[in-house]
Amino acid sequence: MVQTQQQRIQDFFAIARSLSTEAFDKRYAHPFLLGREVLEEEFSFATAIANVEEPQILAKKEGLHIRDWVLPVHKAGSAAAGAVRLFVGRSSNNDLPIPHPTVSKLHAYFSHEDGKWWIVDVGSSNGTTVNGMKAPPRAKTALYDNDVLVFGRCAFSFLTARSLYDLVTRLSAAYEPTVES
């Protein structure tokens, strides 16, 4: 599997300004996951280091921040969007890796059938929810634009290309100063 690089929403500002809605839809014929939050305080990982001469020292690593991640729900190199399963999980060999301890190594997968998107939890330890409802393990759950998906404790919005374009153009206008002549 090819690992998808997460992008930030700001990475789409220039693209959205240079394309019409229709051109953006054509370029991105697949949905996206937009990172929202980790549903508790951000994790701080600590490793205990002990040696004979010094007391125990804690080495802290920065927590995971997923806000504004943009993950394309698309397998690189596939002929059609969603032509195959797109796997989500903590392991880096997933199509959509989410490196958080509450996300299983292989957590869920997306599929696209008959023009409809689905999510299937593969029996993950901490489950998958869609709009606050637990997705039954190993059963397809239909997805719609702006649904909120939670893998373990990591929340994302499921957005069509059109919704991402609308959001990006609004944010771009608010955060990027315009040049006056």
N, C-alpha and C. Protein backbone atom coordinates (compact mmCIF):
# COMPACT_ATOMS: atom_id res chain seq x y z
N MET A 1 0.82 -1.18 0.00
CA MET A 1 0.00 0.00 0.00
C MET A 1 0.87 1.25 0.00
N VAL A 2 0.39 2.28 -0.65
CA VAL A 2 1.12 3.54 -0.72
C VAL A 2 0.59 4.46 0.37
N GLN A 3 1.49 5.01 1.16
CA GLN A 3 1.09 5.89 2.24
C GLN A 3 0.69 7.26 1.70
N THR A 4 -0.45 7.74 2.13
CA THR A 4 -0.92 9.07 1.76
C THR A 4 -0.28 10.10 2.68
N GLN A 5 0.22 11.17 2.11
CA GLN A 5 0.77 12.25 2.91
C GLN A 5 -0.38 13.15 3.35
N GLN A 6 -0.44 13.43 4.65
CA GLN A 6 -1.47 14.37 5.07
C GLN A 6 -1.04 15.76 4.67
N GLN A 7 -2.00 16.53 4.26
CA GLN A 7 -1.76 17.92 3.92
C GLN A 7 -2.54 18.77 4.92
N ARG A 8 -2.23 20.02 4.98
CA ARG A 8 -2.98 20.96 5.81
C ARG A 8 -3.96 21.69 4.91
N ILE A 9 -5.01 22.21 5.49
CA ILE A 9 -6.02 22.90 4.71
C ILE A 9 -5.43 24.11 3.99
N GLN A 10 -4.42 24.74 4.59
CA GLN A 10 -3.77 25.89 3.96
C GLN A 10 -3.10 25.52 2.64
N ASP A 11 -2.72 24.23 2.50
CA ASP A 11 -2.08 23.78 1.26
C ASP A 11 -3.03 23.89 0.06
N PHE A 12 -4.31 23.99 0.32
CA PHE A 12 -5.30 24.06 -0.76
C PHE A 12 -5.71 25.49 -1.10
N PHE A 13 -5.24 26.50 -0.36
CA PHE A 13 -5.65 27.88 -0.61
C PHE A 13 -5.33 28.32 -2.04
N ALA A 14 -4.08 28.16 -2.45
CA ALA A 14 -3.68 28.61 -3.79
C ALA A 14 -4.38 27.81 -4.87
N ILE A 15 -4.56 26.53 -4.64
CA ILE A 15 -5.25 25.67 -5.62
C ILE A 15 -6.68 26.15 -5.83
N ALA A 16 -7.38 26.39 -4.73
CA ALA A 16 -8.79 26.83 -4.82
C ALA A 16 -8.90 28.20 -5.49
N ARG A 17 -7.94 29.09 -5.22
CA ARG A 17 -7.99 30.41 -5.85
C ARG A 17 -7.74 30.33 -7.36
N SER A 18 -7.01 29.29 -7.79
CA SER A 18 -6.66 29.20 -9.21
C SER A 18 -7.66 28.37 -10.02
N LEU A 19 -8.61 27.70 -9.37
CA LEU A 19 -9.56 26.83 -10.07
C LEU A 19 -11.00 27.24 -9.79
N SER A 20 -11.85 27.00 -10.76
CA SER A 20 -13.29 27.17 -10.54
C SER A 20 -13.79 25.96 -9.74
N THR A 21 -15.01 26.06 -9.24
CA THR A 21 -15.61 24.94 -8.52
C THR A 21 -15.62 23.69 -9.38
N GLU A 22 -16.02 23.83 -10.63
CA GLU A 22 -16.11 22.69 -11.55
C GLU A 22 -14.73 22.09 -11.82
N ALA A 23 -13.72 22.93 -12.01
CA ALA A 23 -12.36 22.44 -12.25
C ALA A 23 -11.81 21.72 -11.02
N PHE A 24 -12.12 22.23 -9.82
CA PHE A 24 -11.69 21.59 -8.58
C PHE A 24 -12.35 20.22 -8.46
N ASP A 25 -13.67 20.15 -8.74
CA ASP A 25 -14.40 18.87 -8.71
C ASP A 25 -13.80 17.87 -9.68
N LYS A 26 -13.42 18.35 -10.85
CA LYS A 26 -12.85 17.46 -11.87
C LYS A 26 -11.46 16.97 -11.45
N ARG A 27 -10.67 17.87 -10.88
CA ARG A 27 -9.32 17.51 -10.43
C ARG A 27 -9.36 16.53 -9.27
N TYR A 28 -10.30 16.73 -8.36
CA TYR A 28 -10.42 15.87 -7.17
C TYR A 28 -11.77 15.17 -7.22
N ALA A 29 -11.84 14.06 -7.91
CA ALA A 29 -13.09 13.32 -8.07
C ALA A 29 -13.28 12.33 -6.93
N HIS A 30 -12.84 12.70 -5.76
CA HIS A 30 -12.94 11.83 -4.58
C HIS A 30 -13.19 12.69 -3.35
N PRO A 31 -13.70 12.10 -2.28
CA PRO A 31 -13.91 12.87 -1.05
C PRO A 31 -12.61 13.01 -0.25
N PHE A 32 -12.72 13.72 0.86
CA PHE A 32 -11.58 13.98 1.74
C PHE A 32 -12.00 13.76 3.18
N LEU A 33 -11.02 13.51 4.04
CA LEU A 33 -11.21 13.56 5.48
C LEU A 33 -10.52 14.82 5.97
N LEU A 34 -11.27 15.64 6.69
CA LEU A 34 -10.72 16.86 7.28
C LEU A 34 -10.59 16.63 8.78
N GLY A 35 -9.36 16.71 9.29
CA GLY A 35 -9.12 16.50 10.71
C GLY A 35 -9.79 17.56 11.55
N ARG A 36 -10.44 17.12 12.61
CA ARG A 36 -11.13 18.05 13.50
C ARG A 36 -10.41 18.15 14.84
N GLU A 37 -10.29 17.02 15.54
CA GLU A 37 -9.69 17.06 16.88
C GLU A 37 -9.46 15.65 17.39
N VAL A 38 -8.66 15.57 18.44
CA VAL A 38 -8.57 14.35 19.24
C VAL A 38 -9.51 14.60 20.41
N LEU A 39 -10.40 13.67 20.68
CA LEU A 39 -11.51 13.92 21.60
C LEU A 39 -11.17 13.84 23.08
N GLU A 40 -9.97 14.15 23.43
CA GLU A 40 -9.54 14.34 24.80
C GLU A 40 -8.34 15.24 24.73
N GLU A 41 -7.76 15.51 25.88
CA GLU A 41 -6.55 16.32 25.83
C GLU A 41 -5.55 15.63 24.93
N GLU A 42 -4.79 16.41 24.20
CA GLU A 42 -3.79 15.83 23.31
C GLU A 42 -2.87 14.93 24.14
N PHE A 43 -2.51 13.78 23.58
CA PHE A 43 -1.66 12.84 24.28
C PHE A 43 -0.25 13.39 24.43
N SER A 44 0.34 13.21 25.59
CA SER A 44 1.76 13.46 25.78
C SER A 44 2.36 12.12 26.15
N PHE A 45 3.30 11.67 25.35
CA PHE A 45 3.93 10.39 25.60
C PHE A 45 5.16 10.62 26.45
N ALA A 46 5.44 9.73 27.37
CA ALA A 46 6.60 9.86 28.23
C ALA A 46 7.35 8.53 28.25
N THR A 47 8.68 8.62 28.19
CA THR A 47 9.52 7.44 28.26
C THR A 47 10.40 7.60 29.48
N ALA A 48 10.41 6.60 30.35
CA ALA A 48 11.24 6.66 31.54
C ALA A 48 12.66 6.21 31.19
N ILE A 49 13.64 6.99 31.60
CA ILE A 49 15.04 6.66 31.38
C ILE A 49 15.70 6.58 32.75
N ALA A 50 16.25 5.44 33.07
CA ALA A 50 16.87 5.28 34.38
C ALA A 50 18.34 4.94 34.23
N ASN A 51 19.17 5.53 35.09
CA ASN A 51 20.55 5.07 35.18
C ASN A 51 20.97 5.17 36.64
N VAL A 52 22.09 4.58 36.97
CA VAL A 52 22.50 4.44 38.36
C VAL A 52 22.76 5.78 39.03
N GLU A 53 23.32 6.74 38.33
CA GLU A 53 23.75 7.99 38.95
C GLU A 53 22.68 9.07 39.00
N GLU A 54 21.64 8.96 38.18
CA GLU A 54 20.63 10.01 38.13
C GLU A 54 19.26 9.46 38.46
N PRO A 55 18.40 10.30 39.05
CA PRO A 55 17.02 9.85 39.26
C PRO A 55 16.32 9.70 37.91
N GLN A 56 15.17 9.10 37.94
CA GLN A 56 14.40 8.87 36.72
C GLN A 56 14.08 10.20 36.02
N ILE A 57 14.30 10.23 34.71
CA ILE A 57 14.04 11.43 33.90
C ILE A 57 12.92 11.09 32.92
N LEU A 58 12.01 12.01 32.71
CA LEU A 58 10.95 11.79 31.74
C LEU A 58 11.24 12.58 30.49
N ALA A 59 11.27 11.86 29.36
CA ALA A 59 11.46 12.52 28.06
C ALA A 59 10.10 12.60 27.40
N LYS A 60 9.61 13.79 27.17
CA LYS A 60 8.27 13.96 26.61
C LYS A 60 8.34 14.22 25.12
N LYS A 61 7.40 13.63 24.41
CA LYS A 61 7.26 13.91 22.99
C LYS A 61 5.98 14.72 22.80
N GLU A 62 5.96 15.52 21.77
CA GLU A 62 4.80 16.35 21.49
C GLU A 62 3.60 15.48 21.11
N GLY A 63 2.40 15.87 21.52
CA GLY A 63 1.19 15.13 21.19
C GLY A 63 0.80 15.24 19.73
N LEU A 64 -0.18 14.46 19.32
CA LEU A 64 -0.66 14.44 17.94
C LEU A 64 -1.68 15.55 17.74
N HIS A 65 -1.49 16.36 16.72
CA HIS A 65 -2.41 17.45 16.40
C HIS A 65 -2.96 17.21 15.00
N ILE A 66 -4.22 16.81 14.90
CA ILE A 66 -4.79 16.49 13.58
C ILE A 66 -5.67 17.59 13.03
N ARG A 67 -5.90 18.65 13.80
CA ARG A 67 -6.77 19.72 13.32
C ARG A 67 -6.28 20.24 11.97
N ASP A 68 -7.19 20.28 11.02
CA ASP A 68 -6.93 20.80 9.67
C ASP A 68 -6.09 19.89 8.78
N TRP A 69 -5.87 18.61 9.20
CA TRP A 69 -5.29 17.65 8.26
C TRP A 69 -6.29 17.47 7.13
N VAL A 70 -5.83 17.28 5.93
CA VAL A 70 -6.69 16.95 4.80
C VAL A 70 -6.14 15.67 4.19
N LEU A 71 -6.92 14.60 4.27
CA LEU A 71 -6.52 13.30 3.74
C LEU A 71 -7.43 12.94 2.57
N PRO A 72 -6.87 12.75 1.38
CA PRO A 72 -7.72 12.35 0.25
C PRO A 72 -8.17 10.91 0.41
N VAL A 73 -9.45 10.66 0.23
CA VAL A 73 -9.98 9.29 0.27
C VAL A 73 -9.85 8.76 -1.15
N HIS A 74 -8.62 8.38 -1.48
CA HIS A 74 -8.29 7.97 -2.83
C HIS A 74 -7.00 7.17 -2.78
N LYS A 75 -6.98 6.03 -3.43
CA LYS A 75 -5.78 5.22 -3.49
C LYS A 75 -4.93 5.68 -4.66
N ALA A 76 -3.71 6.06 -4.39
CA ALA A 76 -2.81 6.52 -5.44
C ALA A 76 -2.64 5.42 -6.49
N GLY A 77 -2.76 5.82 -7.74
CA GLY A 77 -2.57 4.88 -8.84
C GLY A 77 -3.79 4.09 -9.25
N SER A 78 -4.93 4.27 -8.54
CA SER A 78 -6.13 3.53 -8.94
C SER A 78 -6.81 4.24 -10.10
N ALA A 79 -7.44 3.46 -10.96
CA ALA A 79 -8.07 4.01 -12.16
C ALA A 79 -9.27 4.88 -11.82
N ALA A 80 -10.03 4.51 -10.82
CA ALA A 80 -11.22 5.27 -10.43
C ALA A 80 -11.20 5.48 -8.93
N ALA A 81 -11.75 6.61 -8.49
CA ALA A 81 -11.81 6.89 -7.06
C ALA A 81 -12.59 5.80 -6.35
N GLY A 82 -11.99 5.21 -5.32
CA GLY A 82 -12.69 4.20 -4.55
C GLY A 82 -12.83 2.87 -5.25
N ALA A 83 -12.05 2.62 -6.31
CA ALA A 83 -12.16 1.36 -7.05
C ALA A 83 -11.78 0.17 -6.18
N VAL A 84 -11.02 0.41 -5.14
CA VAL A 84 -10.59 -0.63 -4.23
C VAL A 84 -10.81 -0.15 -2.80
N ARG A 85 -10.55 -1.01 -1.85
CA ARG A 85 -10.67 -0.61 -0.45
C ARG A 85 -9.53 0.32 -0.07
N LEU A 86 -9.85 1.33 0.75
CA LEU A 86 -8.86 2.26 1.27
C LEU A 86 -8.80 2.05 2.78
N PHE A 87 -7.66 1.57 3.25
CA PHE A 87 -7.53 1.18 4.65
C PHE A 87 -7.08 2.33 5.53
N VAL A 88 -7.68 2.38 6.74
CA VAL A 88 -7.40 3.40 7.75
C VAL A 88 -6.84 2.68 8.97
N GLY A 89 -5.79 3.22 9.55
CA GLY A 89 -5.26 2.63 10.77
C GLY A 89 -4.01 3.33 11.25
N ARG A 90 -3.53 2.89 12.40
CA ARG A 90 -2.36 3.49 13.03
C ARG A 90 -1.06 3.13 12.29
N SER A 91 -1.04 1.96 11.68
CA SER A 91 0.15 1.49 10.99
C SER A 91 0.45 2.34 9.76
N SER A 92 1.72 2.61 9.51
CA SER A 92 2.10 3.49 8.40
C SER A 92 1.85 2.86 7.03
N ASN A 93 1.59 1.56 6.95
CA ASN A 93 1.33 0.95 5.64
C ASN A 93 -0.13 1.03 5.22
N ASN A 94 -0.97 1.70 6.00
CA ASN A 94 -2.36 1.93 5.60
C ASN A 94 -2.43 3.05 4.57
N ASP A 95 -3.50 3.05 3.78
CA ASP A 95 -3.70 4.12 2.80
C ASP A 95 -3.89 5.46 3.49
N LEU A 96 -4.57 5.46 4.64
CA LEU A 96 -4.83 6.66 5.43
C LEU A 96 -4.32 6.41 6.86
N PRO A 97 -3.01 6.63 7.09
CA PRO A 97 -2.48 6.38 8.43
C PRO A 97 -2.84 7.48 9.42
N ILE A 98 -3.27 7.07 10.61
CA ILE A 98 -3.58 8.00 11.70
C ILE A 98 -2.78 7.52 12.91
N PRO A 99 -1.61 8.10 13.16
CA PRO A 99 -0.71 7.59 14.20
C PRO A 99 -1.11 7.99 15.61
N HIS A 100 -2.19 7.41 16.10
CA HIS A 100 -2.68 7.71 17.44
C HIS A 100 -2.93 6.40 18.18
N PRO A 101 -2.62 6.32 19.47
CA PRO A 101 -2.74 5.05 20.19
C PRO A 101 -4.16 4.50 20.31
N THR A 102 -5.19 5.31 20.10
CA THR A 102 -6.56 4.80 20.18
C THR A 102 -7.06 4.27 18.83
N VAL A 103 -6.23 4.42 17.79
CA VAL A 103 -6.56 3.91 16.46
C VAL A 103 -5.86 2.56 16.31
N SER A 104 -6.60 1.53 15.92
CA SER A 104 -6.00 0.20 15.73
C SER A 104 -5.04 0.21 14.56
N LYS A 105 -4.12 -0.76 14.55
CA LYS A 105 -3.16 -0.86 13.44
C LYS A 105 -3.91 -0.93 12.11
N LEU A 106 -4.94 -1.73 12.04
CA LEU A 106 -5.87 -1.76 10.91
C LEU A 106 -7.23 -1.52 11.53
N HIS A 107 -7.80 -0.36 11.30
CA HIS A 107 -8.99 0.09 12.02
C HIS A 107 -10.28 -0.06 11.21
N ALA A 108 -10.25 0.41 9.95
CA ALA A 108 -11.47 0.43 9.13
C ALA A 108 -11.04 0.55 7.67
N TYR A 109 -12.03 0.48 6.78
CA TYR A 109 -11.74 0.78 5.38
C TYR A 109 -12.93 1.48 4.74
N PHE A 110 -12.61 2.28 3.70
CA PHE A 110 -13.61 2.94 2.87
C PHE A 110 -13.80 2.10 1.62
N SER A 111 -15.02 2.10 1.10
CA SER A 111 -15.26 1.52 -0.22
C SER A 111 -16.26 2.41 -0.95
N HIS A 112 -16.23 2.30 -2.27
CA HIS A 112 -17.10 3.09 -3.12
C HIS A 112 -17.81 2.13 -4.05
N GLU A 113 -19.13 2.02 -3.90
CA GLU A 113 -19.92 1.08 -4.70
C GLU A 113 -21.18 1.78 -5.19
N ASP A 114 -21.47 1.61 -6.46
CA ASP A 114 -22.68 2.18 -7.07
C ASP A 114 -22.84 3.67 -6.78
N GLY A 115 -21.73 4.40 -6.84
CA GLY A 115 -21.78 5.85 -6.63
C GLY A 115 -21.93 6.28 -5.18
N LYS A 116 -21.81 5.36 -4.24
CA LYS A 116 -22.00 5.65 -2.81
C LYS A 116 -20.75 5.27 -2.03
N TRP A 117 -20.41 6.08 -1.03
CA TRP A 117 -19.28 5.81 -0.15
C TRP A 117 -19.73 5.10 1.11
N TRP A 118 -18.91 4.17 1.57
CA TRP A 118 -19.19 3.36 2.75
C TRP A 118 -17.96 3.32 3.64
N ILE A 119 -18.19 3.14 4.95
CA ILE A 119 -17.10 2.88 5.89
C ILE A 119 -17.41 1.55 6.57
N VAL A 120 -16.37 0.74 6.77
CA VAL A 120 -16.52 -0.55 7.44
C VAL A 120 -15.46 -0.61 8.54
N ASP A 121 -15.89 -0.72 9.78
CA ASP A 121 -14.98 -0.96 10.89
C ASP A 121 -14.61 -2.44 10.84
N VAL A 122 -13.32 -2.76 10.91
CA VAL A 122 -12.90 -4.15 10.75
C VAL A 122 -12.81 -4.90 12.08
N GLY A 123 -13.45 -4.37 13.11
CA GLY A 123 -13.39 -4.99 14.43
C GLY A 123 -12.33 -4.33 15.30
N SER A 124 -12.13 -3.04 15.11
CA SER A 124 -11.10 -2.30 15.84
C SER A 124 -11.37 -2.31 17.34
N SER A 125 -10.32 -2.11 18.11
CA SER A 125 -10.43 -2.12 19.58
C SER A 125 -11.32 -1.01 20.12
N ASN A 126 -11.18 0.21 19.59
CA ASN A 126 -11.91 1.35 20.11
C ASN A 126 -13.06 1.82 19.23
N GLY A 127 -13.33 1.11 18.15
CA GLY A 127 -14.49 1.38 17.34
C GLY A 127 -14.42 2.60 16.44
N THR A 128 -15.44 2.68 15.60
CA THR A 128 -15.62 3.78 14.66
C THR A 128 -17.04 4.30 14.87
N THR A 129 -17.20 5.62 14.90
CA THR A 129 -18.54 6.18 14.97
C THR A 129 -18.77 7.09 13.77
N VAL A 130 -20.02 7.15 13.36
CA VAL A 130 -20.46 8.04 12.29
C VAL A 130 -21.57 8.89 12.88
N ASN A 131 -21.32 10.21 12.97
CA ASN A 131 -22.28 11.15 13.56
C ASN A 131 -22.74 10.71 14.95
N GLY A 132 -21.79 10.23 15.74
CA GLY A 132 -22.08 9.84 17.12
C GLY A 132 -22.65 8.45 17.31
N MET A 133 -22.94 7.75 16.23
CA MET A 133 -23.49 6.39 16.31
C MET A 133 -22.38 5.38 16.02
N LYS A 134 -22.24 4.37 16.86
CA LYS A 134 -21.21 3.36 16.67
C LYS A 134 -21.49 2.56 15.41
N ALA A 135 -20.49 2.47 14.55
CA ALA A 135 -20.60 1.66 13.33
C ALA A 135 -20.45 0.19 13.73
N PRO A 136 -21.38 -0.66 13.32
CA PRO A 136 -21.26 -2.08 13.67
C PRO A 136 -20.01 -2.69 13.03
N PRO A 137 -19.27 -3.51 13.77
CA PRO A 137 -18.08 -4.13 13.20
C PRO A 137 -18.42 -4.98 11.97
N ARG A 138 -17.59 -4.86 10.96
CA ARG A 138 -17.67 -5.65 9.73
C ARG A 138 -18.96 -5.45 8.93
N ALA A 139 -19.62 -4.32 9.14
CA ALA A 139 -20.84 -3.99 8.38
C ALA A 139 -20.65 -2.65 7.70
N LYS A 140 -21.20 -2.50 6.50
CA LYS A 140 -21.10 -1.24 5.77
C LYS A 140 -22.02 -0.19 6.38
N THR A 141 -21.48 1.01 6.56
CA THR A 141 -22.25 2.16 7.00
C THR A 141 -22.12 3.23 5.93
N ALA A 142 -23.26 3.70 5.44
CA ALA A 142 -23.26 4.71 4.37
C ALA A 142 -22.71 6.03 4.88
N LEU A 143 -22.00 6.75 3.99
CA LEU A 143 -21.44 8.05 4.32
C LEU A 143 -22.04 9.13 3.43
N TYR A 144 -22.22 10.30 4.03
CA TYR A 144 -22.75 11.45 3.33
C TYR A 144 -21.85 12.65 3.61
N ASP A 145 -21.95 13.64 2.75
CA ASP A 145 -21.17 14.86 2.88
C ASP A 145 -21.34 15.46 4.27
N ASN A 146 -20.24 15.85 4.88
CA ASN A 146 -20.18 16.48 6.21
C ASN A 146 -20.44 15.54 7.37
N ASP A 147 -20.49 14.22 7.14
CA ASP A 147 -20.58 13.29 8.26
C ASP A 147 -19.34 13.41 9.12
N VAL A 148 -19.50 13.19 10.43
CA VAL A 148 -18.38 13.21 11.35
C VAL A 148 -18.01 11.77 11.65
N LEU A 149 -16.77 11.41 11.33
CA LEU A 149 -16.24 10.07 11.58
C LEU A 149 -15.25 10.14 12.72
N VAL A 150 -15.33 9.18 13.64
CA VAL A 150 -14.36 9.11 14.73
C VAL A 150 -13.75 7.72 14.72
N PHE A 151 -12.43 7.68 14.56
CA PHE A 151 -11.66 6.44 14.62
C PHE A 151 -10.94 6.46 15.96
N GLY A 152 -11.31 5.55 16.86
CA GLY A 152 -10.76 5.62 18.22
C GLY A 152 -11.23 6.91 18.85
N ARG A 153 -10.29 7.84 19.06
CA ARG A 153 -10.64 9.15 19.63
C ARG A 153 -10.32 10.30 18.66
N CYS A 154 -10.04 9.99 17.39
CA CYS A 154 -9.66 11.00 16.39
C CYS A 154 -10.85 11.31 15.49
N ALA A 155 -11.28 12.56 15.49
CA ALA A 155 -12.47 12.97 14.75
C ALA A 155 -12.11 13.65 13.43
N PHE A 156 -12.87 13.30 12.39
CA PHE A 156 -12.69 13.85 11.05
C PHE A 156 -14.06 14.17 10.46
N SER A 157 -14.08 15.12 9.53
CA SER A 157 -15.28 15.36 8.72
C SER A 157 -15.06 14.70 7.37
N PHE A 158 -16.09 14.04 6.86
CA PHE A 158 -16.06 13.42 5.54
C PHE A 158 -16.63 14.45 4.57
N LEU A 159 -15.79 14.96 3.66
CA LEU A 159 -16.21 16.05 2.78
C LEU A 159 -16.07 15.67 1.32
N THR A 160 -17.07 16.05 0.53
CA THR A 160 -16.92 15.93 -0.92
C THR A 160 -15.94 17.01 -1.37
N ALA A 161 -15.44 16.87 -2.60
CA ALA A 161 -14.54 17.87 -3.15
C ALA A 161 -15.22 19.25 -3.16
N ARG A 162 -16.50 19.29 -3.49
CA ARG A 162 -17.24 20.56 -3.52
C ARG A 162 -17.26 21.23 -2.15
N SER A 163 -17.52 20.45 -1.10
CA SER A 163 -17.54 21.01 0.26
C SER A 163 -16.17 21.48 0.69
N LEU A 164 -15.12 20.72 0.33
CA LEU A 164 -13.77 21.15 0.66
C LEU A 164 -13.45 22.46 -0.07
N TYR A 165 -13.80 22.55 -1.34
CA TYR A 165 -13.58 23.76 -2.12
C TYR A 165 -14.27 24.96 -1.46
N ASP A 166 -15.53 24.80 -1.10
CA ASP A 166 -16.28 25.90 -0.45
C ASP A 166 -15.60 26.33 0.85
N LEU A 167 -15.18 25.36 1.67
CA LEU A 167 -14.52 25.67 2.93
C LEU A 167 -13.18 26.36 2.69
N VAL A 168 -12.40 25.83 1.77
CA VAL A 168 -11.09 26.40 1.49
C VAL A 168 -11.20 27.82 0.95
N THR A 169 -12.16 28.08 0.07
CA THR A 169 -12.29 29.44 -0.47
C THR A 169 -12.72 30.42 0.63
N ARG A 170 -13.61 29.99 1.52
CA ARG A 170 -14.00 30.86 2.64
C ARG A 170 -12.81 31.15 3.56
N LEU A 171 -12.07 30.10 3.92
CA LEU A 171 -10.92 30.28 4.81
C LEU A 171 -9.82 31.09 4.14
N SER A 172 -9.59 30.82 2.88
CA SER A 172 -8.56 31.54 2.13
C SER A 172 -8.85 33.04 2.11
N ALA A 173 -10.10 33.39 1.88
CA ALA A 173 -10.48 34.81 1.87
C ALA A 173 -10.29 35.45 3.25
N ALA A 174 -10.53 34.68 4.30
CA ALA A 174 -10.41 35.21 5.66
C ALA A 174 -8.96 35.34 6.12
N TYR A 175 -8.08 34.42 5.68
CA TYR A 175 -6.71 34.38 6.19
C TYR A 175 -5.66 34.96 5.27
N GLU A 176 -5.93 35.02 4.00
CA GLU A 176 -4.95 35.54 3.05
C GLU A 176 -5.32 36.98 2.69
N PRO A 177 -4.45 37.92 3.02
CA PRO A 177 -4.78 39.32 2.66
C PRO A 177 -4.77 39.50 1.15
N THR A 178 -5.69 40.29 0.66
CA THR A 178 -5.74 40.56 -0.77
C THR A 178 -4.83 41.76 -1.07
N VAL A 179 -4.24 41.75 -2.23
CA VAL A 179 -3.36 42.83 -2.65
C VAL A 179 -4.19 43.89 -3.37
N GLU A 180 -4.12 45.12 -2.87
CA GLU A 180 -4.87 46.21 -3.50
C GLU A 180 -3.94 46.96 -4.45
N SER A 181 -4.50 47.38 -5.60
CA SER A 181 -3.67 48.13 -6.55
C SER A 181 -3.89 49.61 -6.40
